[in-house]
Amino acid sequence: MGYQVGKIYRKYCWDIISIMMAIMSTAIVIYFGEWIKSVIPINLIVLLLLVHVVYIGIRCYVKDWQEERGYY
């Protein structure tokens, strides 16, 4: 399971945009951590993972869409 996730991540998201997304989302969670915890009672690490999973899903969808239409 973990190996397959790694292959998908390498295929679709192995670039500087993903690194910047991870850094920015981590910085936002660190800076607004107390406020986020007061609004949403969720573990912040789980929130980071959830944000990154949604990001990877969007990237996979867009890349597949581009490949189908011959843009990529």
C-alpha atoms as a PDB file:
ATOM      1  CA  MET A   1       0.000   0.000   0.000  1.00  0.00           C
ATOM      2  CA  GLY A   2       2.679   2.516   1.001  1.00  0.00           C
ATOM      3  CA  TYR A   3       4.832   1.631  -2.007  1.00  0.00           C
ATOM      4  CA  GLN A   4       1.922   2.315  -4.379  1.00  0.00           C
ATOM      5  CA  VAL A   5       1.287   5.676  -2.766  1.00  0.00           C
ATOM      6  CA  GLY A   6       4.964   6.498  -3.205  1.00  0.00           C
ATOM      7  CA  LYS A   7       4.815   5.580  -6.904  1.00  0.00           C
ATOM      8  CA  ILE A   8       1.745   7.761  -7.456  1.00  0.00           C
ATOM      9  CA  TYR A   9       3.365  10.647  -5.593  1.00  0.00           C
ATOM     10  CA  ARG A  10       6.556  10.298  -7.642  1.00  0.00           C
ATOM     11  CA  LYS A  11       4.598  10.192 -10.913  1.00  0.00           C
ATOM     12  CA  TYR A  12       2.282  13.142 -10.306  1.00  0.00           C
ATOM     13  CA  CYS A  13       3.741  15.347  -7.599  1.00  0.00           C
ATOM     14  CA  TRP A  14       7.541  15.089  -7.515  1.00  0.00           C
ATOM     15  CA  ASP A  15       8.349  18.760  -8.140  1.00  0.00           C
ATOM     16  CA  ILE A  16       8.990  22.120  -6.516  1.00  0.00           C
ATOM     17  CA  ILE A  17       5.272  22.989  -6.422  1.00  0.00           C
ATOM     18  CA  SER A  18       4.600  20.098  -4.050  1.00  0.00           C
ATOM     19  CA  ILE A  19       7.500  21.071  -1.831  1.00  0.00           C
ATOM     20  CA  MET A  20       6.231  24.644  -1.629  1.00  0.00           C
ATOM     21  CA  MET A  21       2.693  23.389  -0.915  1.00  0.00           C
ATOM     22  CA  ALA A  22       3.965  21.246   1.960  1.00  0.00           C
ATOM     23  CA  ILE A  23       6.028  24.092   3.406  1.00  0.00           C
ATOM     24  CA  MET A  24       3.214  26.651   3.112  1.00  0.00           C
ATOM     25  CA  SER A  25       0.555  24.366   4.605  1.00  0.00           C
ATOM     26  CA  THR A  26       2.881  23.492   7.489  1.00  0.00           C
ATOM     27  CA  ALA A  27       3.630  27.163   8.123  1.00  0.00           C
ATOM     28  CA  ILE A  28      -0.077  28.037   8.066  1.00  0.00           C
ATOM     29  CA  VAL A  29      -0.915  25.259  10.518  1.00  0.00           C
ATOM     30  CA  ILE A  30       1.902  26.330  12.829  1.00  0.00           C
ATOM     31  CA  TYR A  31       0.956  30.011  12.725  1.00  0.00           C
ATOM     32  CA  PHE A  32      -2.811  29.540  13.008  1.00  0.00           C
ATOM     33  CA  GLY A  33      -2.673  26.341  15.093  1.00  0.00           C
ATOM     34  CA  GLU A  34      -4.447  27.643  18.181  1.00  0.00           C
ATOM     35  CA  TRP A  35      -7.184  29.300  16.139  1.00  0.00           C
ATOM     36  CA  ILE A  36      -7.704  26.167  14.019  1.00  0.00           C
ATOM     37  CA  LYS A  37      -7.951  24.001  17.142  1.00  0.00           C
ATOM     38  CA  SER A  38     -10.553  26.350  18.631  1.00  0.00           C
ATOM     39  CA  VAL A  39     -12.708  26.189  15.473  1.00  0.00           C
ATOM     40  CA  ILE A  40     -12.140  22.555  14.416  1.00  0.00           C
ATOM     41  CA  PRO A  41     -11.375  19.995  17.124  1.00  0.00           C
ATOM     42  CA  ILE A  42      -8.961  17.959  14.975  1.00  0.00           C
ATOM     43  CA  ASN A  43      -5.358  16.905  15.376  1.00  0.00           C
ATOM     44  CA  LEU A  44      -3.213  19.324  13.357  1.00  0.00           C
ATOM     45  CA  ILE A  45      -1.036  16.560  11.902  1.00  0.00           C
ATOM     46  CA  VAL A  46      -4.169  14.818  10.630  1.00  0.00           C
ATOM     47  CA  LEU A  47      -5.248  18.136   9.124  1.00  0.00           C
ATOM     48  CA  LEU A  48      -1.880  18.485   7.352  1.00  0.00           C
ATOM     49  CA  LEU A  49      -2.145  14.969   5.962  1.00  0.00           C
ATOM     50  CA  LEU A  50      -5.711  15.588   4.826  1.00  0.00           C
ATOM     51  CA  VAL A  51      -4.727  18.805   3.035  1.00  0.00           C
ATOM     52  CA  HIS A  52      -1.849  17.064   1.277  1.00  0.00           C
ATOM     53  CA  VAL A  53      -4.039  14.102   0.238  1.00  0.00           C
ATOM     54  CA  VAL A  54      -6.585  16.485  -1.285  1.00  0.00           C
ATOM     55  CA  TYR A  55      -3.764  18.338  -3.047  1.00  0.00           C
ATOM     56  CA  ILE A  56      -2.373  15.093  -4.495  1.00  0.00           C
ATOM     57  CA  GLY A  57      -5.854  14.082  -5.648  1.00  0.00           C
ATOM     58  CA  ILE A  58      -6.302  17.370  -7.491  1.00  0.00           C
ATOM     59  CA  ARG A  59      -2.872  17.085  -9.100  1.00  0.00           C
ATOM     60  CA  CYS A  60      -3.574  13.506 -10.256  1.00  0.00           C
ATOM     61  CA  TYR A  61      -6.914  14.528 -11.737  1.00  0.00           C
ATOM     62  CA  VAL A  62      -5.445  17.505 -13.597  1.00  0.00           C
ATOM     63  CA  LYS A  63      -2.483  15.534 -14.938  1.00  0.00           C
ATOM     64  CA  ASP A  64      -4.749  12.713 -16.167  1.00  0.00           C
ATOM     65  CA  TRP A  65      -7.040  15.290 -17.782  1.00  0.00           C
ATOM     66  CA  GLN A  66      -4.077  16.882 -19.557  1.00  0.00           C
ATOM     67  CA  GLU A  67      -2.716  13.520 -20.733  1.00  0.00           C
ATOM     68  CA  GLU A  68      -6.108  12.507 -22.157  1.00  0.00           C
ATOM     69  CA  ARG A  69      -6.312  15.674 -24.205  1.00  0.00           C
ATOM     70  CA  GLY A  70      -2.684  15.593 -25.360  1.00  0.00           C
ATOM     71  CA  TYR A  71      -1.502  18.667 -23.479  1.00  0.00           C
ATOM     72  CA  TYR A  72       1.158  16.832 -21.537  1.00  0.00           C
END
